[in-house]
């Protein structure tokens, strides 16, 4: 359930990224402009954190999800889903993004270094847990797909 709520917040650009906090007047626009995940001098906003950041690009390349087309998030998701070619696109996409968000929060609030290995371990754990809620036919395809990534 929490990943579905997270997905809604992501889709409608309501996550508390640095730019959202500035828009809500909770943070000064002069606060640090460094991405906590990739350390680039970029102000944190949804597109950078989840789609443009070097770390996020590595995640999507690993998962074979291509975000290169589309003028808005709905179009990007629709086209990425078609190119992905598996019936469990949303489960994979949201679990991957959720784990990027978890790493970002770990770095922001606890100073934990964000690594691809940590992301992959958390992603595999979460997606395999989620697979138990799927129909058998989808579960087997998802588990086979996850195993093919290893």
N, C-alpha and C. Protein backbone atom coordinates (compact mmCIF):
# COMPACT_ATOMS: atom_id res chain seq x y z
N UNK A 1 0.82 -1.20 0.00
CA UNK A 1 0.00 0.00 0.00
C UNK A 1 0.87 1.27 0.00
N UNK A 2 1.95 1.26 0.80
CA UNK A 2 2.78 2.46 0.87
C UNK A 2 3.43 2.77 -0.48
N UNK A 3 3.76 1.74 -1.25
CA UNK A 3 4.36 1.98 -2.56
C UNK A 3 3.33 2.56 -3.52
N UNK A 4 2.07 2.17 -3.38
CA UNK A 4 1.02 2.75 -4.23
C UNK A 4 0.83 4.24 -3.90
N UNK A 5 0.84 4.58 -2.62
CA UNK A 5 0.73 5.99 -2.22
C UNK A 5 1.94 6.76 -2.73
N UNK A 6 3.11 6.17 -2.56
CA UNK A 6 4.33 6.78 -3.07
C UNK A 6 4.22 7.01 -4.58
N UNK A 7 3.71 6.02 -5.31
CA UNK A 7 3.54 6.14 -6.76
C UNK A 7 2.63 7.29 -7.13
N UNK A 8 1.55 7.46 -6.37
CA UNK A 8 0.64 8.58 -6.62
C UNK A 8 1.37 9.90 -6.40
N UNK A 9 2.12 10.00 -5.30
CA UNK A 9 2.86 11.22 -5.01
C UNK A 9 3.91 11.50 -6.09
N UNK A 10 4.56 10.46 -6.56
CA UNK A 10 5.55 10.60 -7.62
C UNK A 10 4.89 11.07 -8.91
N UNK A 11 3.82 10.40 -9.29
CA UNK A 11 3.13 10.71 -10.53
C UNK A 11 2.65 12.16 -10.57
N UNK A 12 2.11 12.63 -9.46
CA UNK A 12 1.56 13.99 -9.41
C UNK A 12 2.55 15.02 -8.86
N UNK A 13 3.82 14.65 -8.77
CA UNK A 13 4.89 15.55 -8.33
C UNK A 13 4.59 16.17 -6.96
N UNK A 14 4.26 15.32 -6.00
CA UNK A 14 3.95 15.77 -4.65
C UNK A 14 4.91 15.24 -3.59
N UNK A 15 6.00 14.60 -4.02
CA UNK A 15 7.00 14.13 -3.06
C UNK A 15 7.76 15.33 -2.50
N UNK A 16 8.22 15.22 -1.28
CA UNK A 16 8.93 16.32 -0.64
C UNK A 16 10.39 16.39 -1.07
N UNK A 17 10.59 16.60 -2.37
CA UNK A 17 11.93 16.87 -2.88
C UNK A 17 12.27 18.30 -2.49
N UNK A 18 13.54 18.68 -2.69
CA UNK A 18 13.95 20.03 -2.30
C UNK A 18 13.13 21.10 -3.01
N UNK A 19 12.85 20.90 -4.30
CA UNK A 19 12.08 21.92 -5.01
C UNK A 19 10.65 22.02 -4.48
N UNK A 20 10.06 20.90 -4.06
CA UNK A 20 8.71 20.95 -3.49
C UNK A 20 8.72 21.69 -2.16
N UNK A 21 9.74 21.49 -1.36
CA UNK A 21 9.84 22.19 -0.08
C UNK A 21 9.98 23.70 -0.29
N UNK A 22 10.70 24.09 -1.33
CA UNK A 22 10.82 25.52 -1.66
C UNK A 22 9.47 26.06 -2.12
N UNK A 23 8.77 25.31 -2.97
CA UNK A 23 7.45 25.75 -3.45
C UNK A 23 6.47 25.92 -2.31
N UNK A 24 6.64 25.13 -1.26
CA UNK A 24 5.75 25.23 -0.09
C UNK A 24 6.29 26.21 0.95
N UNK A 25 7.39 26.87 0.64
CA UNK A 25 8.02 27.85 1.53
C UNK A 25 8.49 27.21 2.84
N UNK A 26 8.92 25.96 2.76
CA UNK A 26 9.46 25.27 3.93
C UNK A 26 10.98 25.27 3.92
N UNK A 27 11.55 25.73 2.84
CA UNK A 27 12.99 25.67 2.68
C UNK A 27 13.43 26.84 1.81
N UNK A 28 14.61 27.33 2.07
CA UNK A 28 15.14 28.43 1.29
C UNK A 28 15.68 27.92 -0.05
N UNK A 29 15.43 28.63 -1.14
CA UNK A 29 15.99 28.21 -2.42
C UNK A 29 17.51 28.31 -2.43
N UNK A 30 18.11 28.96 -1.43
CA UNK A 30 19.55 29.11 -1.37
C UNK A 30 20.23 27.95 -0.63
N UNK A 31 19.44 27.02 -0.07
CA UNK A 31 20.02 25.85 0.58
C UNK A 31 20.83 25.07 -0.45
N UNK A 32 21.58 24.11 0.01
CA UNK A 32 22.50 23.39 -0.88
C UNK A 32 21.82 22.90 -2.16
N UNK A 33 22.56 23.00 -3.23
CA UNK A 33 22.07 22.58 -4.55
C UNK A 33 22.82 21.36 -5.04
N UNK A 34 23.06 20.42 -4.15
CA UNK A 34 23.79 19.21 -4.52
C UNK A 34 22.86 18.02 -4.38
N UNK A 35 22.81 17.21 -5.43
CA UNK A 35 22.03 15.97 -5.38
C UNK A 35 22.71 15.04 -4.38
N UNK A 36 21.98 14.58 -3.38
CA UNK A 36 22.58 13.75 -2.34
C UNK A 36 22.93 12.36 -2.84
N UNK A 37 22.41 11.96 -3.98
CA UNK A 37 22.70 10.62 -4.50
C UNK A 37 23.90 10.64 -5.45
N UNK A 38 23.91 11.57 -6.41
CA UNK A 38 25.00 11.56 -7.40
C UNK A 38 26.03 12.66 -7.16
N UNK A 39 25.79 13.54 -6.17
CA UNK A 39 26.69 14.63 -5.81
C UNK A 39 26.89 15.67 -6.91
N UNK A 40 26.00 15.70 -7.88
CA UNK A 40 26.06 16.72 -8.93
C UNK A 40 25.50 18.03 -8.37
N UNK A 41 25.97 19.14 -8.90
CA UNK A 41 25.46 20.44 -8.49
C UNK A 41 24.16 20.71 -9.24
N UNK A 42 23.12 20.04 -8.81
CA UNK A 42 21.80 20.12 -9.43
C UNK A 42 20.78 20.24 -8.32
N UNK A 43 19.84 21.15 -8.50
CA UNK A 43 18.78 21.28 -7.51
C UNK A 43 17.88 20.05 -7.59
N UNK A 44 17.54 19.49 -6.45
CA UNK A 44 16.76 18.25 -6.43
C UNK A 44 15.30 18.50 -6.80
N UNK A 45 14.86 17.86 -7.86
CA UNK A 45 13.46 17.89 -8.27
C UNK A 45 13.14 16.51 -8.83
N UNK A 46 11.88 16.22 -9.04
CA UNK A 46 11.44 14.87 -9.42
C UNK A 46 12.19 14.32 -10.63
N UNK A 47 12.24 15.08 -11.71
CA UNK A 47 12.85 14.58 -12.94
C UNK A 47 14.32 14.22 -12.72
N UNK A 48 15.05 15.07 -12.00
CA UNK A 48 16.46 14.74 -11.77
C UNK A 48 16.59 13.51 -10.89
N UNK A 49 15.93 13.52 -9.75
CA UNK A 49 16.09 12.44 -8.78
C UNK A 49 15.73 11.08 -9.34
N UNK A 50 14.65 11.00 -10.10
CA UNK A 50 14.17 9.70 -10.55
C UNK A 50 14.51 9.34 -11.99
N UNK A 51 14.88 10.31 -12.82
CA UNK A 51 15.06 10.01 -14.23
C UNK A 51 16.38 10.52 -14.83
N UNK A 52 16.96 11.57 -14.29
CA UNK A 52 18.14 12.18 -14.90
C UNK A 52 19.43 11.95 -14.12
N UNK A 53 19.32 11.73 -12.84
CA UNK A 53 20.47 11.50 -11.96
C UNK A 53 21.27 10.30 -12.48
N UNK A 54 22.60 10.39 -12.42
CA UNK A 54 23.43 9.28 -12.89
C UNK A 54 23.07 7.97 -12.19
N UNK A 55 22.79 8.06 -10.90
CA UNK A 55 22.40 6.87 -10.14
C UNK A 55 21.09 6.29 -10.67
N UNK A 56 20.10 7.14 -10.86
CA UNK A 56 18.80 6.68 -11.36
C UNK A 56 18.93 6.12 -12.77
N UNK A 57 19.73 6.75 -13.60
CA UNK A 57 19.94 6.22 -14.96
C UNK A 57 20.54 4.83 -14.92
N UNK A 58 21.46 4.61 -13.98
CA UNK A 58 22.04 3.27 -13.83
C UNK A 58 20.97 2.26 -13.41
N UNK A 59 20.09 2.67 -12.51
CA UNK A 59 18.99 1.80 -12.08
C UNK A 59 18.12 1.42 -13.27
N UNK A 60 17.68 2.41 -14.04
CA UNK A 60 16.77 2.13 -15.16
C UNK A 60 17.46 1.31 -16.24
N UNK A 61 18.74 1.56 -16.49
CA UNK A 61 19.48 0.74 -17.45
C UNK A 61 19.56 -0.71 -16.98
N UNK A 62 19.81 -0.90 -15.70
CA UNK A 62 19.88 -2.24 -15.13
C UNK A 62 18.55 -2.97 -15.31
N UNK A 63 17.45 -2.26 -15.13
CA UNK A 63 16.12 -2.85 -15.24
C UNK A 63 15.61 -2.90 -16.68
N UNK A 64 16.38 -2.34 -17.61
CA UNK A 64 16.01 -2.29 -19.03
C UNK A 64 14.73 -1.49 -19.26
N UNK A 65 14.63 -0.37 -18.54
CA UNK A 65 13.52 0.55 -18.71
C UNK A 65 14.07 1.83 -19.33
N UNK A 66 13.52 2.21 -20.46
CA UNK A 66 14.00 3.37 -21.23
C UNK A 66 13.03 4.53 -21.07
N UNK A 67 13.51 5.62 -20.47
CA UNK A 67 12.67 6.80 -20.24
C UNK A 67 12.95 7.89 -21.27
N UNK A 68 13.55 7.59 -22.38
CA UNK A 68 14.04 8.63 -23.29
C UNK A 68 12.97 9.31 -24.14
N UNK A 69 11.75 8.84 -24.13
CA UNK A 69 10.73 9.43 -24.99
C UNK A 69 9.58 10.00 -24.17
N UNK A 70 8.96 11.05 -24.69
CA UNK A 70 7.78 11.61 -24.05
C UNK A 70 8.02 13.02 -23.57
N UNK A 71 6.99 13.83 -23.67
CA UNK A 71 7.10 15.23 -23.27
C UNK A 71 6.58 15.47 -21.86
N UNK A 72 5.85 14.52 -21.30
CA UNK A 72 5.37 14.64 -19.92
C UNK A 72 5.44 13.26 -19.26
N UNK A 73 5.23 13.21 -17.97
CA UNK A 73 5.42 11.95 -17.25
C UNK A 73 4.45 10.87 -17.70
N UNK A 74 3.21 11.24 -18.02
CA UNK A 74 2.25 10.24 -18.48
C UNK A 74 2.72 9.59 -19.78
N UNK A 75 3.17 10.40 -20.70
CA UNK A 75 3.65 9.90 -21.99
C UNK A 75 4.92 9.06 -21.82
N UNK A 76 5.82 9.51 -20.96
CA UNK A 76 7.05 8.75 -20.70
C UNK A 76 6.73 7.38 -20.13
N UNK A 77 5.81 7.33 -19.17
CA UNK A 77 5.44 6.06 -18.56
C UNK A 77 4.78 5.14 -19.58
N UNK A 78 3.88 5.69 -20.37
CA UNK A 78 3.19 4.90 -21.38
C UNK A 78 4.17 4.28 -22.37
N UNK A 79 5.10 5.09 -22.86
CA UNK A 79 6.06 4.59 -23.84
C UNK A 79 7.07 3.63 -23.22
N UNK A 80 7.51 3.92 -22.00
CA UNK A 80 8.44 3.02 -21.32
C UNK A 80 7.78 1.67 -21.06
N UNK A 81 6.52 1.69 -20.71
CA UNK A 81 5.77 0.45 -20.46
C UNK A 81 5.70 -0.41 -21.73
N UNK A 82 5.41 0.24 -22.86
CA UNK A 82 5.34 -0.50 -24.12
C UNK A 82 6.68 -1.13 -24.48
N UNK A 83 7.76 -0.38 -24.30
CA UNK A 83 9.09 -0.89 -24.64
C UNK A 83 9.56 -1.96 -23.65
N UNK A 84 9.12 -1.89 -22.40
CA UNK A 84 9.54 -2.86 -21.38
C UNK A 84 9.06 -4.26 -21.74
N UNK A 85 7.83 -4.38 -22.17
CA UNK A 85 7.33 -5.63 -22.72
C UNK A 85 6.95 -6.72 -21.74
N UNK A 86 6.81 -6.40 -20.47
CA UNK A 86 6.38 -7.39 -19.48
C UNK A 86 5.13 -6.86 -18.79
N UNK A 87 4.26 -7.75 -18.32
CA UNK A 87 2.99 -7.29 -17.72
C UNK A 87 3.16 -6.70 -16.32
N UNK A 88 4.34 -6.75 -15.76
CA UNK A 88 4.57 -6.27 -14.40
C UNK A 88 5.39 -4.97 -14.38
N UNK A 89 5.23 -4.16 -15.41
CA UNK A 89 5.98 -2.91 -15.52
C UNK A 89 5.77 -2.01 -14.31
N UNK A 90 4.53 -1.77 -13.93
CA UNK A 90 4.26 -0.83 -12.84
C UNK A 90 4.84 -1.33 -11.51
N UNK A 91 4.78 -2.62 -11.28
CA UNK A 91 5.36 -3.17 -10.06
C UNK A 91 6.86 -2.92 -10.01
N UNK A 92 7.53 -3.17 -11.13
CA UNK A 92 8.98 -2.97 -11.21
C UNK A 92 9.31 -1.49 -11.10
N UNK A 93 8.63 -0.66 -11.87
CA UNK A 93 8.92 0.77 -11.90
C UNK A 93 8.72 1.41 -10.53
N UNK A 94 7.59 1.12 -9.89
CA UNK A 94 7.32 1.74 -8.60
C UNK A 94 8.24 1.21 -7.50
N UNK A 95 8.55 -0.07 -7.53
CA UNK A 95 9.47 -0.62 -6.53
C UNK A 95 10.87 -0.05 -6.71
N UNK A 96 11.29 0.11 -7.95
CA UNK A 96 12.61 0.71 -8.22
C UNK A 96 12.65 2.16 -7.74
N UNK A 97 11.63 2.94 -8.10
CA UNK A 97 11.58 4.35 -7.69
C UNK A 97 11.48 4.46 -6.17
N UNK A 98 10.68 3.60 -5.54
CA UNK A 98 10.55 3.59 -4.08
C UNK A 98 11.92 3.39 -3.43
N UNK A 99 12.71 2.47 -3.96
CA UNK A 99 14.01 2.20 -3.37
C UNK A 99 15.02 3.31 -3.65
N UNK A 100 14.87 4.03 -4.75
CA UNK A 100 15.68 5.24 -4.97
C UNK A 100 15.32 6.26 -3.89
N UNK A 101 14.03 6.43 -3.63
CA UNK A 101 13.55 7.38 -2.62
C UNK A 101 14.07 7.00 -1.22
N UNK A 102 14.03 5.71 -0.91
CA UNK A 102 14.51 5.24 0.39
C UNK A 102 16.01 5.54 0.55
N UNK A 103 16.79 5.29 -0.50
CA UNK A 103 18.22 5.61 -0.45
C UNK A 103 18.45 7.11 -0.30
N UNK A 104 17.67 7.89 -1.02
CA UNK A 104 17.78 9.35 -0.92
C UNK A 104 17.50 9.80 0.50
N UNK A 105 16.46 9.26 1.12
CA UNK A 105 16.13 9.63 2.49
C UNK A 105 17.18 9.15 3.48
N UNK A 106 17.73 7.97 3.26
CA UNK A 106 18.80 7.47 4.12
C UNK A 106 20.01 8.38 4.08
N UNK A 107 20.34 8.86 2.90
CA UNK A 107 21.47 9.79 2.74
C UNK A 107 21.14 11.15 3.36
N UNK A 108 19.94 11.64 3.11
CA UNK A 108 19.55 12.97 3.58
C UNK A 108 19.44 13.02 5.10
N UNK A 109 18.81 12.04 5.71
CA UNK A 109 18.47 12.12 7.13
C UNK A 109 19.40 11.32 8.04
N UNK A 110 20.09 10.32 7.51
CA UNK A 110 20.95 9.50 8.36
C UNK A 110 22.40 9.46 7.88
N UNK A 111 22.67 10.10 6.77
CA UNK A 111 24.04 10.14 6.26
C UNK A 111 24.54 8.82 5.70
N UNK A 112 23.63 7.91 5.37
CA UNK A 112 24.01 6.61 4.82
C UNK A 112 24.34 6.77 3.34
N UNK A 113 25.48 6.27 2.94
CA UNK A 113 25.91 6.39 1.55
C UNK A 113 24.99 5.58 0.63
N UNK A 114 24.58 6.18 -0.46
CA UNK A 114 23.71 5.51 -1.43
C UNK A 114 24.58 4.75 -2.42
N UNK A 115 24.43 3.43 -2.45
CA UNK A 115 25.19 2.62 -3.40
C UNK A 115 24.24 1.81 -4.26
N UNK A 116 24.71 1.48 -5.45
CA UNK A 116 23.89 0.68 -6.35
C UNK A 116 23.66 -0.71 -5.77
N UNK A 117 24.66 -1.27 -5.12
CA UNK A 117 24.52 -2.61 -4.52
C UNK A 117 23.43 -2.60 -3.46
N UNK A 118 23.40 -1.56 -2.63
CA UNK A 118 22.34 -1.45 -1.61
C UNK A 118 20.98 -1.31 -2.28
N UNK A 119 20.90 -0.47 -3.32
CA UNK A 119 19.63 -0.32 -4.03
C UNK A 119 19.17 -1.67 -4.60
N UNK A 120 20.07 -2.38 -5.28
CA UNK A 120 19.71 -3.65 -5.91
C UNK A 120 19.25 -4.67 -4.87
N UNK A 121 19.94 -4.76 -3.76
CA UNK A 121 19.56 -5.70 -2.70
C UNK A 121 18.16 -5.38 -2.18
N UNK A 122 17.89 -4.11 -1.91
CA UNK A 122 16.57 -3.70 -1.42
C UNK A 122 15.49 -3.91 -2.48
N UNK A 123 15.81 -3.61 -3.73
CA UNK A 123 14.86 -3.79 -4.82
C UNK A 123 14.47 -5.26 -4.96
N UNK A 124 15.46 -6.13 -5.01
CA UNK A 124 15.18 -7.56 -5.17
C UNK A 124 14.35 -8.07 -4.00
N UNK A 125 14.70 -7.67 -2.80
CA UNK A 125 13.93 -8.08 -1.61
C UNK A 125 12.48 -7.63 -1.73
N UNK A 126 12.27 -6.36 -2.05
CA UNK A 126 10.91 -5.82 -2.12
C UNK A 126 10.10 -6.41 -3.28
N UNK A 127 10.73 -6.60 -4.43
CA UNK A 127 9.98 -7.10 -5.58
C UNK A 127 9.63 -8.57 -5.38
N UNK A 128 10.49 -9.33 -4.71
CA UNK A 128 10.16 -10.73 -4.43
C UNK A 128 9.05 -10.83 -3.38
N UNK A 129 9.04 -9.93 -2.41
CA UNK A 129 7.92 -9.89 -1.46
C UNK A 129 6.62 -9.56 -2.18
N UNK A 130 6.69 -8.58 -3.06
CA UNK A 130 5.51 -8.18 -3.82
C UNK A 130 5.03 -9.31 -4.72
N UNK A 131 5.93 -10.13 -5.20
CA UNK A 131 5.54 -11.21 -6.12
C UNK A 131 4.57 -12.19 -5.48
N UNK A 132 4.58 -12.31 -4.17
CA UNK A 132 3.66 -13.23 -3.49
C UNK A 132 2.21 -12.77 -3.58
N UNK A 133 2.00 -11.52 -3.93
CA UNK A 133 0.63 -11.00 -4.06
C UNK A 133 0.12 -11.08 -5.49
N UNK A 134 0.93 -11.57 -6.40
CA UNK A 134 0.55 -11.65 -7.81
C UNK A 134 -0.04 -13.01 -8.14
N UNK A 135 -0.76 -13.06 -9.23
CA UNK A 135 -1.24 -14.34 -9.75
C UNK A 135 -0.03 -15.22 -10.07
N UNK A 136 -0.24 -16.53 -9.99
CA UNK A 136 0.87 -17.46 -10.22
C UNK A 136 1.59 -17.22 -11.54
N UNK A 137 0.83 -16.99 -12.60
CA UNK A 137 1.46 -16.81 -13.91
C UNK A 137 2.36 -15.57 -13.93
N UNK A 138 1.90 -14.48 -13.31
CA UNK A 138 2.73 -13.28 -13.24
C UNK A 138 3.89 -13.48 -12.29
N UNK A 139 3.64 -14.15 -11.17
CA UNK A 139 4.70 -14.34 -10.17
C UNK A 139 5.88 -15.09 -10.79
N UNK A 140 5.60 -16.17 -11.49
CA UNK A 140 6.69 -16.96 -12.09
C UNK A 140 7.45 -16.14 -13.13
N UNK A 141 6.74 -15.37 -13.93
CA UNK A 141 7.42 -14.53 -14.93
C UNK A 141 8.26 -13.46 -14.27
N UNK A 142 7.73 -12.86 -13.19
CA UNK A 142 8.47 -11.83 -12.48
C UNK A 142 9.72 -12.41 -11.83
N UNK A 143 9.59 -13.53 -11.16
CA UNK A 143 10.74 -14.16 -10.50
C UNK A 143 11.79 -14.56 -11.54
N UNK A 144 11.36 -15.11 -12.66
CA UNK A 144 12.30 -15.45 -13.73
C UNK A 144 13.01 -14.21 -14.25
N UNK A 145 12.26 -13.13 -14.41
CA UNK A 145 12.84 -11.87 -14.89
C UNK A 145 13.87 -11.34 -13.89
N UNK A 146 13.53 -11.36 -12.60
CA UNK A 146 14.47 -10.89 -11.57
C UNK A 146 15.73 -11.75 -11.59
N UNK A 147 15.57 -13.05 -11.69
CA UNK A 147 16.73 -13.95 -11.73
C UNK A 147 17.60 -13.68 -12.96
N UNK A 148 16.99 -13.27 -14.06
CA UNK A 148 17.77 -12.98 -15.27
C UNK A 148 18.63 -11.73 -15.10
N UNK A 149 18.28 -10.88 -14.15
CA UNK A 149 19.06 -9.66 -13.90
C UNK A 149 20.35 -9.94 -13.14
N UNK A 150 20.34 -11.03 -12.40
CA UNK A 150 21.47 -11.32 -11.51
C UNK A 150 22.69 -11.79 -12.25
